[in-house]
Amino acid sequence: IETIQHLFFECSLARVVWSIVAIPLKANNIPTSLRQYWNWCSEWTHTSPPMHAFVLAAICWAIWKARSKACFEFKWLKHPAEIICHACSFLKFWTGLHKEEFQ
């Protein structure tokens, strides 16, 4: 059975993605549970621009989408960095819809 815990924190793909995300944040750890994720978000977004919270949400969305594509469409990622690319594409699209709010 797929769980939120496994999908976002225990799956090897998710762990690699969070490790990649941790680099620009200069984080010395990655979230390993939902509670740690919320603490992590709090720690890394409370002193950052509001957009950083959207980035972390987009990463979760991209992990979810990648898992759904693998399960239901049998489309597999070639590299975990693709999740980061998908999240960036989503953010670019989303900020284009909200240009005035982020200028």
PDB file of N, CA and C in Angstrom:
ATOM      1  N   ILE A   1       0.855  -1.181   0.000  1.00  0.00           N
ATOM      2  CA  ILE A   1       0.000   0.000   0.000  1.00  0.00           C
ATOM      3  C   ILE A   1       0.896   1.238   0.000  1.00  0.00           C
ATOM      4  N   GLU A   2       0.582   2.145  -0.888  1.00  0.00           N
ATOM      5  CA  GLU A   2       1.317   3.410  -0.964  1.00  0.00           C
ATOM      6  C   GLU A   2       0.830   4.324   0.150  1.00  0.00           C
ATOM      7  N   THR A   3       1.753   4.914   0.859  1.00  0.00           N
ATOM      8  CA  THR A   3       1.403   5.866   1.913  1.00  0.00           C
ATOM      9  C   THR A   3       2.070   7.199   1.621  1.00  0.00           C
ATOM     10  N   ILE A   4       1.571   8.239   2.251  1.00  0.00           N
ATOM     11  CA  ILE A   4       2.193   9.554   2.117  1.00  0.00           C
ATOM     12  C   ILE A   4       3.638   9.485   2.602  1.00  0.00           C
ATOM     13  N   GLN A   5       3.829   8.786   3.706  1.00  0.00           N
ATOM     14  CA  GLN A   5       5.171   8.630   4.273  1.00  0.00           C
ATOM     15  C   GLN A   5       6.128   8.030   3.244  1.00  0.00           C
ATOM     16  N   HIS A   6       5.693   6.955   2.597  1.00  0.00           N
ATOM     17  CA  HIS A   6       6.564   6.310   1.609  1.00  0.00           C
ATOM     18  C   HIS A   6       6.758   7.194   0.379  1.00  0.00           C
ATOM     19  N   LEU A   7       5.659   7.699  -0.165  1.00  0.00           N
ATOM     20  CA  LEU A   7       5.714   8.479  -1.403  1.00  0.00           C
ATOM     21  C   LEU A   7       6.656   9.670  -1.300  1.00  0.00           C
ATOM     22  N   PHE A   8       6.520  10.447  -0.239  1.00  0.00           N
ATOM     23  CA  PHE A   8       7.274  11.691  -0.139  1.00  0.00           C
ATOM     24  C   PHE A   8       8.598  11.592   0.626  1.00  0.00           C
ATOM     25  N   PHE A   9       8.774  10.545   1.450  1.00  0.00           N
ATOM     26  CA  PHE A   9       9.947  10.544   2.321  1.00  0.00           C
ATOM     27  C   PHE A   9      10.767   9.259   2.326  1.00  0.00           C
ATOM     28  N   GLU A  10      10.162   8.110   2.092  1.00  0.00           N
ATOM     29  CA  GLU A  10      10.904   6.850   2.164  1.00  0.00           C
ATOM     30  C   GLU A  10      11.339   6.327   0.809  1.00  0.00           C
ATOM     31  N   CYS A  11      10.612   6.652  -0.221  1.00  0.00           N
ATOM     32  CA  CYS A  11      10.945   6.215  -1.575  1.00  0.00           C
ATOM     33  C   CYS A  11      12.337   6.755  -1.941  1.00  0.00           C
ATOM     34  N   SER A  12      13.158   5.910  -2.543  1.00  0.00           N
ATOM     35  CA  SER A  12      14.524   6.340  -2.877  1.00  0.00           C
ATOM     36  C   SER A  12      14.515   7.543  -3.817  1.00  0.00           C
ATOM     37  N   LEU A  13      13.555   7.596  -4.727  1.00  0.00           N
ATOM     38  CA  LEU A  13      13.445   8.730  -5.644  1.00  0.00           C
ATOM     39  C   LEU A  13      13.188  10.020  -4.869  1.00  0.00           C
ATOM     40  N   ALA A  14      12.259   9.987  -3.938  1.00  0.00           N
ATOM     41  CA  ALA A  14      11.944  11.174  -3.140  1.00  0.00           C
ATOM     42  C   ALA A  14      13.147  11.608  -2.305  1.00  0.00           C
ATOM     43  N   ARG A  15      13.863  10.653  -1.736  1.00  0.00           N
ATOM     44  CA  ARG A  15      15.039  11.003  -0.930  1.00  0.00           C
ATOM     45  C   ARG A  15      16.097  11.708  -1.775  1.00  0.00           C
ATOM     46  N   VAL A  16      16.283  11.248  -3.009  1.00  0.00           N
ATOM     47  CA  VAL A  16      17.244  11.906  -3.902  1.00  0.00           C
ATOM     48  C   VAL A  16      16.767  13.319  -4.232  1.00  0.00           C
ATOM     49  N   VAL A  17      15.478  13.457  -4.526  1.00  0.00           N
ATOM     50  CA  VAL A  17      14.929  14.780  -4.857  1.00  0.00           C
ATOM     51  C   VAL A  17      15.129  15.743  -3.686  1.00  0.00           C
ATOM     52  N   TRP A  18      14.782  15.307  -2.463  1.00  0.00           N
ATOM     53  CA  TRP A  18      14.963  16.191  -1.307  1.00  0.00           C
ATOM     54  C   TRP A  18      16.438  16.515  -1.080  1.00  0.00           C
ATOM     55  N   SER A  19      17.317  15.589  -1.387  1.00  0.00           N
ATOM     56  CA  SER A  19      18.756  15.861  -1.266  1.00  0.00           C
ATOM     57  C   SER A  19      19.197  16.933  -2.254  1.00  0.00           C
ATOM     58  N   ILE A  20      18.643  16.895  -3.457  1.00  0.00           N
ATOM     59  CA  ILE A  20      18.950  17.919  -4.468  1.00  0.00           C
ATOM     60  C   ILE A  20      18.412  19.270  -4.012  1.00  0.00           C
ATOM     61  N   VAL A  21      17.183  19.289  -3.513  1.00  0.00           N
ATOM     62  CA  VAL A  21      16.554  20.532  -3.055  1.00  0.00           C
ATOM     63  C   VAL A  21      17.325  21.119  -1.868  1.00  0.00           C
ATOM     64  N   ALA A  22      17.876  20.265  -1.023  1.00  0.00           N
ATOM     65  CA  ALA A  22      18.597  20.737   0.167  1.00  0.00           C
ATOM     66  C   ALA A  22      19.859  21.523  -0.183  1.00  0.00           C
ATOM     67  N   ILE A  23      20.441  21.263  -1.345  1.00  0.00           N
ATOM     68  CA  ILE A  23      21.704  21.920  -1.716  1.00  0.00           C
ATOM     69  C   ILE A  23      21.569  23.440  -1.777  1.00  0.00           C
ATOM     70  N   PRO A  24      20.633  23.998  -2.582  1.00  0.00           N
ATOM     71  CA  PRO A  24      20.552  25.465  -2.609  1.00  0.00           C
ATOM     72  C   PRO A  24      20.050  26.065  -1.290  1.00  0.00           C
ATOM     73  N   LEU A  25      19.328  25.257  -0.502  1.00  0.00           N
ATOM     74  CA  LEU A  25      18.868  25.743   0.797  1.00  0.00           C
ATOM     75  C   LEU A  25      19.972  25.699   1.850  1.00  0.00           C
ATOM     76  N   LYS A  26      21.072  25.028   1.496  1.00  0.00           N
ATOM     77  CA  LYS A  26      22.173  24.815   2.439  1.00  0.00           C
ATOM     78  C   LYS A  26      21.678  24.098   3.698  1.00  0.00           C
ATOM     79  N   ALA A  27      20.757  23.184   3.472  1.00  0.00           N
ATOM     80  CA  ALA A  27      20.220  22.380   4.575  1.00  0.00           C
ATOM     81  C   ALA A  27      21.162  21.213   4.831  1.00  0.00           C
ATOM     82  N   ASN A  28      21.344  20.876   6.080  1.00  0.00           N
ATOM     83  CA  ASN A  28      22.218  19.748   6.391  1.00  0.00           C
ATOM     84  C   ASN A  28      21.423  18.467   6.650  1.00  0.00           C
ATOM     85  N   ASN A  29      20.128  18.512   6.403  1.00  0.00           N
ATOM     86  CA  ASN A  29      19.296  17.316   6.524  1.00  0.00           C
ATOM     87  C   ASN A  29      18.147  17.397   5.522  1.00  0.00           C
ATOM     88  N   ILE A  30      17.452  16.296   5.361  1.00  0.00           N
ATOM     89  CA  ILE A  30      16.274  16.270   4.498  1.00  0.00           C
ATOM     90  C   ILE A  30      15.113  15.742   5.325  1.00  0.00           C
ATOM     91  N   PRO A  31      13.877  16.107   4.961  1.00  0.00           N
ATOM     92  CA  PRO A  31      12.742  15.616   5.740  1.00  0.00           C
ATOM     93  C   PRO A  31      12.559  14.109   5.552  1.00  0.00           C
ATOM     94  N   THR A  32      12.257  13.431   6.656  1.00  0.00           N
ATOM     95  CA  THR A  32      12.027  11.985   6.592  1.00  0.00           C
ATOM     96  C   THR A  32      10.623  11.611   7.063  1.00  0.00           C
ATOM     97  N   SER A  33       9.803  12.622   7.351  1.00  0.00           N
ATOM     98  CA  SER A  33       8.412  12.398   7.743  1.00  0.00           C
ATOM     99  C   SER A  33       7.634  13.679   7.460  1.00  0.00           C
ATOM    100  N   LEU A  34       6.315  13.586   7.513  1.00  0.00           N
ATOM    101  CA  LEU A  34       5.485  14.762   7.270  1.00  0.00           C
ATOM    102  C   LEU A  34       5.755  15.836   8.323  1.00  0.00           C
ATOM    103  N   ARG A  35       5.899  15.420   9.560  1.00  0.00           N
ATOM    104  CA  ARG A  35       6.191  16.387  10.634  1.00  0.00           C
ATOM    105  C   ARG A  35       7.526  17.092  10.367  1.00  0.00           C
ATOM    106  N   GLN A  36       8.543  16.329   9.996  1.00  0.00           N
ATOM    107  CA  GLN A  36       9.836  16.944   9.689  1.00  0.00           C
ATOM    108  C   GLN A  36       9.733  17.848   8.469  1.00  0.00           C
ATOM    109  N   TYR A  37       8.895  17.469   7.497  1.00  0.00           N
ATOM    110  CA  TYR A  37       8.701  18.315   6.315  1.00  0.00           C
ATOM    111  C   TYR A  37       8.160  19.678   6.737  1.00  0.00           C
ATOM    112  N   TRP A  38       7.129  19.687   7.606  1.00  0.00           N
ATOM    113  CA  TRP A  38       6.552  20.961   8.052  1.00  0.00           C
ATOM    114  C   TRP A  38       7.590  21.782   8.813  1.00  0.00           C
ATOM    115  N   ASN A  39       8.365  21.113   9.654  1.00  0.00           N
ATOM    116  CA  ASN A  39       9.433  21.825  10.375  1.00  0.00           C
ATOM    117  C   ASN A  39      10.481  22.361   9.408  1.00  0.00           C
ATOM    118  N   TRP A  40      10.824  21.553   8.420  1.00  0.00           N
ATOM    119  CA  TRP A  40      11.796  21.927   7.397  1.00  0.00           C
ATOM    120  C   TRP A  40      11.296  23.143   6.627  1.00  0.00           C
ATOM    121  N   CYS A  41      10.027  23.097   6.212  1.00  0.00           N
ATOM    122  CA  CYS A  41       9.433  24.234   5.482  1.00  0.00           C
ATOM    123  C   CYS A  41       9.480  25.492   6.335  1.00  0.00           C
ATOM    124  N   SER A  42       9.125  25.354   7.585  1.00  0.00           N
ATOM    125  CA  SER A  42       9.141  26.485   8.500  1.00  0.00           C
ATOM    126  C   SER A  42      10.535  27.079   8.618  1.00  0.00           C
ATOM    127  N   GLU A  43      11.491  26.197   8.786  1.00  0.00           N
ATOM    128  CA  GLU A  43      12.874  26.632   8.958  1.00  0.00           C
ATOM    129  C   GLU A  43      13.405  27.341   7.717  1.00  0.00           C
ATOM    130  N   TRP A  44      13.086  26.818   6.534  1.00  0.00           N
ATOM    131  CA  TRP A  44      13.685  27.337   5.308  1.00  0.00           C
ATOM    132  C   TRP A  44      12.851  28.391   4.619  1.00  0.00           C
ATOM    133  N   THR A  45      11.616  28.624   5.064  1.00  0.00           N
ATOM    134  CA  THR A  45      10.801  29.624   4.371  1.00  0.00           C
ATOM    135  C   THR A  45      10.471  30.839   5.230  1.00  0.00           C
ATOM    136  N   HIS A  46      10.624  30.771   6.536  1.00  0.00           N
ATOM    137  CA  HIS A  46      10.216  31.915   7.358  1.00  0.00           C
ATOM    138  C   HIS A  46      11.119  33.131   7.176  1.00  0.00           C
ATOM    139  N   THR A  47      12.344  32.940   6.734  1.00  0.00           N
ATOM    140  CA  THR A  47      13.240  34.075   6.485  1.00  0.00           C
ATOM    141  C   THR A  47      13.484  34.287   4.995  1.00  0.00           C
ATOM    142  N   SER A  48      12.763  33.554   4.178  1.00  0.00           N
ATOM    143  CA  SER A  48      12.958  33.615   2.728  1.00  0.00           C
ATOM    144  C   SER A  48      11.786  34.321   2.068  1.00  0.00           C
ATOM    145  N   PRO A  49      11.941  34.653   0.793  1.00  0.00           N
ATOM    146  CA  PRO A  49      10.811  35.224   0.065  1.00  0.00           C
ATOM    147  C   PRO A  49       9.643  34.237   0.043  1.00  0.00           C
ATOM    148  N   PRO A  50       8.399  34.739  -0.029  1.00  0.00           N
ATOM    149  CA  PRO A  50       7.221  33.854  -0.030  1.00  0.00           C
ATOM    150  C   PRO A  50       7.267  32.801  -1.135  1.00  0.00           C
ATOM    151  N   MET A  51       7.948  33.090  -2.202  1.00  0.00           N
ATOM    152  CA  MET A  51       8.009  32.152  -3.322  1.00  0.00           C
ATOM    153  C   MET A  51       8.641  30.821  -2.914  1.00  0.00           C
ATOM    154  N   HIS A  52       9.515  30.825  -1.919  1.00  0.00           N
ATOM    155  CA  HIS A  52      10.177  29.585  -1.504  1.00  0.00           C
ATOM    156  C   HIS A  52       9.178  28.552  -0.993  1.00  0.00           C
ATOM    157  N   ALA A  53       8.108  28.984  -0.345  1.00  0.00           N
ATOM    158  CA  ALA A  53       7.071  28.045   0.104  1.00  0.00           C
ATOM    159  C   ALA A  53       6.409  27.391  -1.096  1.00  0.00           C
ATOM    160  N   PHE A  54       6.206  28.162  -2.160  1.00  0.00           N
ATOM    161  CA  PHE A  54       5.609  27.610  -3.377  1.00  0.00           C
ATOM    162  C   PHE A  54       6.549  26.606  -4.036  1.00  0.00           C
ATOM    163  N   VAL A  55       7.840  26.863  -3.948  1.00  0.00           N
ATOM    164  CA  VAL A  55       8.821  25.933  -4.522  1.00  0.00           C
ATOM    165  C   VAL A  55       8.714  24.572  -3.836  1.00  0.00           C
ATOM    166  N   LEU A  56       8.668  24.561  -2.512  1.00  0.00           N
ATOM    167  CA  LEU A  56       8.569  23.296  -1.786  1.00  0.00           C
ATOM    168  C   LEU A  56       7.253  22.582  -2.091  1.00  0.00           C
ATOM    169  N   ALA A  57       6.174  23.339  -2.219  1.00  0.00           N
ATOM    170  CA  ALA A  57       4.886  22.733  -2.587  1.00  0.00           C
ATOM    171  C   ALA A  57       4.954  22.157  -3.997  1.00  0.00           C
ATOM    172  N   ALA A  58       5.617  22.859  -4.900  1.00  0.00           N
ATOM    173  CA  ALA A  58       5.745  22.374  -6.283  1.00  0.00           C
ATOM    174  C   ALA A  58       6.570  21.090  -6.343  1.00  0.00           C
ATOM    175  N   ILE A  59       7.556  20.958  -5.484  1.00  0.00           N
ATOM    176  CA  ILE A  59       8.347  19.720  -5.431  1.00  0.00           C
ATOM    177  C   ILE A  59       7.443  18.557  -5.033  1.00  0.00           C
ATOM    178  N   CYS A  60       6.617  18.764  -4.012  1.00  0.00           N
ATOM    179  CA  CYS A  60       5.673  17.708  -3.598  1.00  0.00           C
ATOM    180  C   CYS A  60       4.726  17.361  -4.740  1.00  0.00           C
ATOM    181  N   TRP A  61       4.223  18.371  -5.412  1.00  0.00           N
ATOM    182  CA  TRP A  61       3.306  18.146  -6.529  1.00  0.00           C
ATOM    183  C   TRP A  61       4.000  17.340  -7.624  1.00  0.00           C
ATOM    184  N   ALA A  62       5.244  17.680  -7.918  1.00  0.00           N
ATOM    185  CA  ALA A  62       5.978  16.981  -8.978  1.00  0.00           C
ATOM    186  C   ALA A  62       6.278  15.531  -8.590  1.00  0.00           C
ATOM    187  N   ILE A  63       6.572  15.283  -7.319  1.00  0.00           N
ATOM    188  CA  ILE A  63       6.766  13.899  -6.858  1.00  0.00           C
ATOM    189  C   ILE A  63       5.470  13.118  -7.044  1.00  0.00           C
ATOM    190  N   TRP A  64       4.360  13.718  -6.643  1.00  0.00           N
ATOM    191  CA  TRP A  64       3.038  13.081  -6.787  1.00  0.00           C
ATOM    192  C   TRP A  64       2.746  12.765  -8.254  1.00  0.00           C
ATOM    193  N   LYS A  65       2.975  13.745  -9.117  1.00  0.00           N
ATOM    194  CA  LYS A  65       2.703  13.553 -10.553  1.00  0.00           C
ATOM    195  C   LYS A  65       3.584  12.452 -11.138  1.00  0.00           C
ATOM    196  N   ALA A  66       4.852  12.421 -10.758  1.00  0.00           N
ATOM    197  CA  ALA A  66       5.768  11.394 -11.279  1.00  0.00           C
ATOM    198  C   ALA A  66       5.308  10.004 -10.854  1.00  0.00           C
ATOM    199  N   ARG A  67       4.901   9.878  -9.611  1.00  0.00           N
ATOM    200  CA  ARG A  67       4.420   8.582  -9.113  1.00  0.00           C
ATOM    201  C   ARG A  67       3.138   8.172  -9.836  1.00  0.00           C
ATOM    202  N   SER A  68       2.229   9.113 -10.044  1.00  0.00           N
ATOM    203  CA  SER A  68       0.979   8.818 -10.753  1.00  0.00           C
ATOM    204  C   SER A  68       1.245   8.385 -12.188  1.00  0.00           C
ATOM    205  N   LYS A  69       2.163   9.073 -12.863  1.00  0.00           N
ATOM    206  CA  LYS A  69       2.497   8.688 -14.242  1.00  0.00           C
ATOM    207  C   LYS A  69       3.103   7.300 -14.296  1.00  0.00           C
ATOM    208  N   ALA A  70       3.932   6.977 -13.316  1.00  0.00           N
ATOM    209  CA  ALA A  70       4.547   5.646 -13.283  1.00  0.00           C
ATOM    210  C   ALA A  70       3.492   4.572 -13.029  1.00  0.00           C
ATOM    211  N   CYS A  71       2.586   4.824 -12.099  1.00  0.00           N
ATOM    212  CA  CYS A  71       1.576   3.817 -11.724  1.00  0.00           C
ATOM    213  C   CYS A  71       0.483   3.645 -12.770  1.00  0.00           C
ATOM    214  N   PHE A  72       0.016   4.748 -13.341  1.00  0.00           N
ATOM    215  CA  PHE A  72      -1.170   4.690 -14.191  1.00  0.00           C
ATOM    216  C   PHE A  72      -0.895   4.791 -15.683  1.00  0.00           C
ATOM    217  N   GLU A  73       0.243   5.392 -16.047  1.00  0.00           N
ATOM    218  CA  GLU A  73       0.569   5.540 -17.466  1.00  0.00           C
ATOM    219  C   GLU A  73       1.825   4.762 -17.847  1.00  0.00           C
ATOM    220  N   PHE A  74       2.462   4.139 -16.878  1.00  0.00           N
ATOM    221  CA  PHE A  74       3.695   3.366 -17.083  1.00  0.00           C
ATOM    222  C   PHE A  74       4.798   4.205 -17.722  1.00  0.00           C
ATOM    223  N   LYS A  75       4.853   5.489 -17.338  1.00  0.00           N
ATOM    224  CA  LYS A  75       5.900   6.399 -17.808  1.00  0.00           C
ATOM    225  C   LYS A  75       6.874   6.607 -16.659  1.00  0.00           C
ATOM    226  N   TRP A  76       8.112   6.186 -16.884  1.00  0.00           N
ATOM    227  CA  TRP A  76       9.120   6.216 -15.837  1.00  0.00           C
ATOM    228  C   TRP A  76      10.100   7.362 -16.061  1.00  0.00           C
ATOM    229  N   LEU A  77      10.572   7.935 -14.990  1.00  0.00           N
ATOM    230  CA  LEU A  77      11.582   8.988 -15.071  1.00  0.00           C
ATOM    231  C   LEU A  77      12.936   8.384 -15.399  1.00  0.00           C
ATOM    232  N   LYS A  78      13.729   9.131 -16.146  1.00  0.00           N
ATOM    233  CA  LYS A  78      15.093   8.687 -16.439  1.00  0.00           C
ATOM    234  C   LYS A  78      16.055   9.112 -15.338  1.00  0.00           C
ATOM    235  N   HIS A  79      15.704  10.211 -14.651  1.00  0.00           N
ATOM    236  CA  HIS A  79      16.583  10.735 -13.601  1.00  0.00           C
ATOM    237  C   HIS A  79      15.732  11.520 -12.598  1.00  0.00           C
ATOM    238  N   PRO A  80      16.055  11.447 -11.316  1.00  0.00           N
ATOM    239  CA  PRO A  80      15.282  12.187 -10.306  1.00  0.00           C
ATOM    240  C   PRO A  80      15.252  13.697 -10.540  1.00  0.00           C
ATOM    241  N   ALA A  81      16.271  14.233 -11.200  1.00  0.00           N
ATOM    242  CA  ALA A  81      16.295  15.676 -11.471  1.00  0.00           C
ATOM    243  C   ALA A  81      15.133  16.104 -12.361  1.00  0.00           C
ATOM    244  N   GLU A  82      14.525  15.153 -13.077  1.00  0.00           N
ATOM    245  CA  GLU A  82      13.352  15.484 -13.890  1.00  0.00           C
ATOM    246  C   GLU A  82      12.226  16.027 -13.019  1.00  0.00           C
ATOM    247  N   ILE A  83      12.129  15.544 -11.794  1.00  0.00           N
ATOM    248  CA  ILE A  83      11.097  16.046 -10.881  1.00  0.00           C
ATOM    249  C   ILE A  83      11.341  17.522 -10.596  1.00  0.00           C
ATOM    250  N   ILE A  84      12.601  17.888 -10.398  1.00  0.00           N
ATOM    251  CA  ILE A  84      12.946  19.294 -10.170  1.00  0.00           C
ATOM    252  C   ILE A  84      12.573  20.120 -11.401  1.00  0.00           C
ATOM    253  N   CYS A  85      12.864  19.608 -12.584  1.00  0.00           N
ATOM    254  CA  CYS A  85      12.528  20.309 -13.831  1.00  0.00           C
ATOM    255  C   CYS A  85      11.020  20.492 -13.974  1.00  0.00           C
ATOM    256  N   HIS A  86      10.262  19.459 -13.652  1.00  0.00           N
ATOM    257  CA  HIS A  86       8.800  19.562 -13.736  1.00  0.00           C
ATOM    258  C   HIS A  86       8.274  20.593 -12.736  1.00  0.00           C
ATOM    259  N   ALA A  87       8.840  20.601 -11.542  1.00  0.00           N
ATOM    260  CA  ALA A  87       8.428  21.586 -10.541  1.00  0.00           C
ATOM    261  C   ALA A  87       8.750  23.002 -11.022  1.00  0.00           C
ATOM    262  N   CYS A  88       9.914  23.189 -11.621  1.00  0.00           N
ATOM    263  CA  CYS A  88      10.296  24.508 -12.148  1.00  0.00           C
ATOM    264  C   CYS A  88       9.368  24.948 -13.271  1.00  0.00           C
ATOM    265  N   SER A  89       8.999  24.023 -14.140  1.00  0.00           N
ATOM    266  CA  SER A  89       8.067  24.347 -15.231  1.00  0.00           C
ATOM    267  C   SER A  89       6.723  24.781 -14.676  1.00  0.00           C
ATOM    268  N   PHE A  90       6.245  24.048 -13.676  1.00  0.00           N
ATOM    269  CA  PHE A  90       4.980  24.408 -13.051  1.00  0.00           C
ATOM    270  C   PHE A  90       5.067  25.792 -12.425  1.00  0.00           C
ATOM    271  N   LEU A  91       6.161  26.079 -11.715  1.00  0.00           N
ATOM    272  CA  LEU A  91       6.326  27.384 -11.075  1.00  0.00           C
ATOM    273  C   LEU A  91       6.397  28.510 -12.094  1.00  0.00           C
ATOM    274  N   LYS A  92       7.083  28.268 -13.202  1.00  0.00           N
ATOM    275  CA  LYS A  92       7.168  29.285 -14.259  1.00  0.00           C
ATOM    276  C   LYS A  92       5.779  29.576 -14.819  1.00  0.00           C
ATOM    277  N   PHE A  93       5.017  28.527 -15.062  1.00  0.00           N
ATOM    278  CA  PHE A  93       3.651  28.692 -15.554  1.00  0.00           C
ATOM    279  C   PHE A  93       2.804  29.442 -14.526  1.00  0.00           C
ATOM    280  N   TRP A  94       2.890  29.016 -13.271  1.00  0.00           N
ATOM    281  CA  TRP A  94       2.069  29.587 -12.218  1.00  0.00           C
ATOM    282  C   TRP A  94       2.400  31.067 -11.990  1.00  0.00           C
ATOM    283  N   THR A  95       3.691  31.405 -11.949  1.00  0.00           N
ATOM    284  CA  THR A  95       4.055  32.804 -11.734  1.00  0.00           C
ATOM    285  C   THR A  95       3.648  33.665 -12.921  1.00  0.00           C
ATOM    286  N   GLY A  96       3.612  33.076 -14.115  1.00  0.00           N
ATOM    287  CA  GLY A  96       3.117  33.810 -15.280  1.00  0.00           C
ATOM    288  C   GLY A  96       1.658  34.198 -15.128  1.00  0.00           C
ATOM    289  N   LEU A  97       0.905  33.369 -14.426  1.00  0.00           N
ATOM    290  CA  LEU A  97      -0.507  33.667 -14.179  1.00  0.00           C
ATOM    291  C   LEU A  97      -0.684  34.725 -13.094  1.00  0.00           C
ATOM    292  N   HIS A  98       0.342  34.907 -12.274  1.00  0.00           N
ATOM    293  CA  HIS A  98       0.268  35.826 -11.136  1.00  0.00           C
ATOM    294  C   HIS A  98       1.377  36.875 -11.203  1.00  0.00           C
ATOM    295  N   LYS A  99       1.660  37.355 -12.399  1.00  0.00           N
ATOM    296  CA  LYS A  99       2.777  38.289 -12.605  1.00  0.00           C
ATOM    297  C   LYS A  99       2.737  39.483 -11.654  1.00  0.00           C
ATOM    298  N   GLU A 100       1.577  40.105 -11.554  1.00  0.00           N
ATOM    299  CA  GLU A 100       1.480  41.335 -10.767  1.00  0.00           C
ATOM    300  C   GLU A 100       1.770  41.098  -9.288  1.00  0.00           C
ATOM    301  N   GLU A 101       1.428  39.928  -8.774  1.00  0.00           N
ATOM    302  CA  GLU A 101       1.634  39.636  -7.357  1.00  0.00           C
ATOM    303  C   GLU A 101       3.104  39.425  -7.016  1.00  0.00           C
ATOM    304  N   PHE A 102       3.917  39.029  -8.002  1.00  0.00           N
ATOM    305  CA  PHE A 102       5.315  38.703  -7.726  1.00  0.00           C
ATOM    306  C   PHE A 102       6.287  39.709  -8.316  1.00  0.00           C
ATOM    307  N   GLN A 103       5.837  40.879  -8.629  1.00  0.00           N
ATOM    308  CA  GLN A 103       6.744  41.905  -9.155  1.00  0.00           C
ATOM    309  C   GLN A 103       7.063  42.932  -8.106  1.00  0.00           C
TER     310      GLN A 103
END
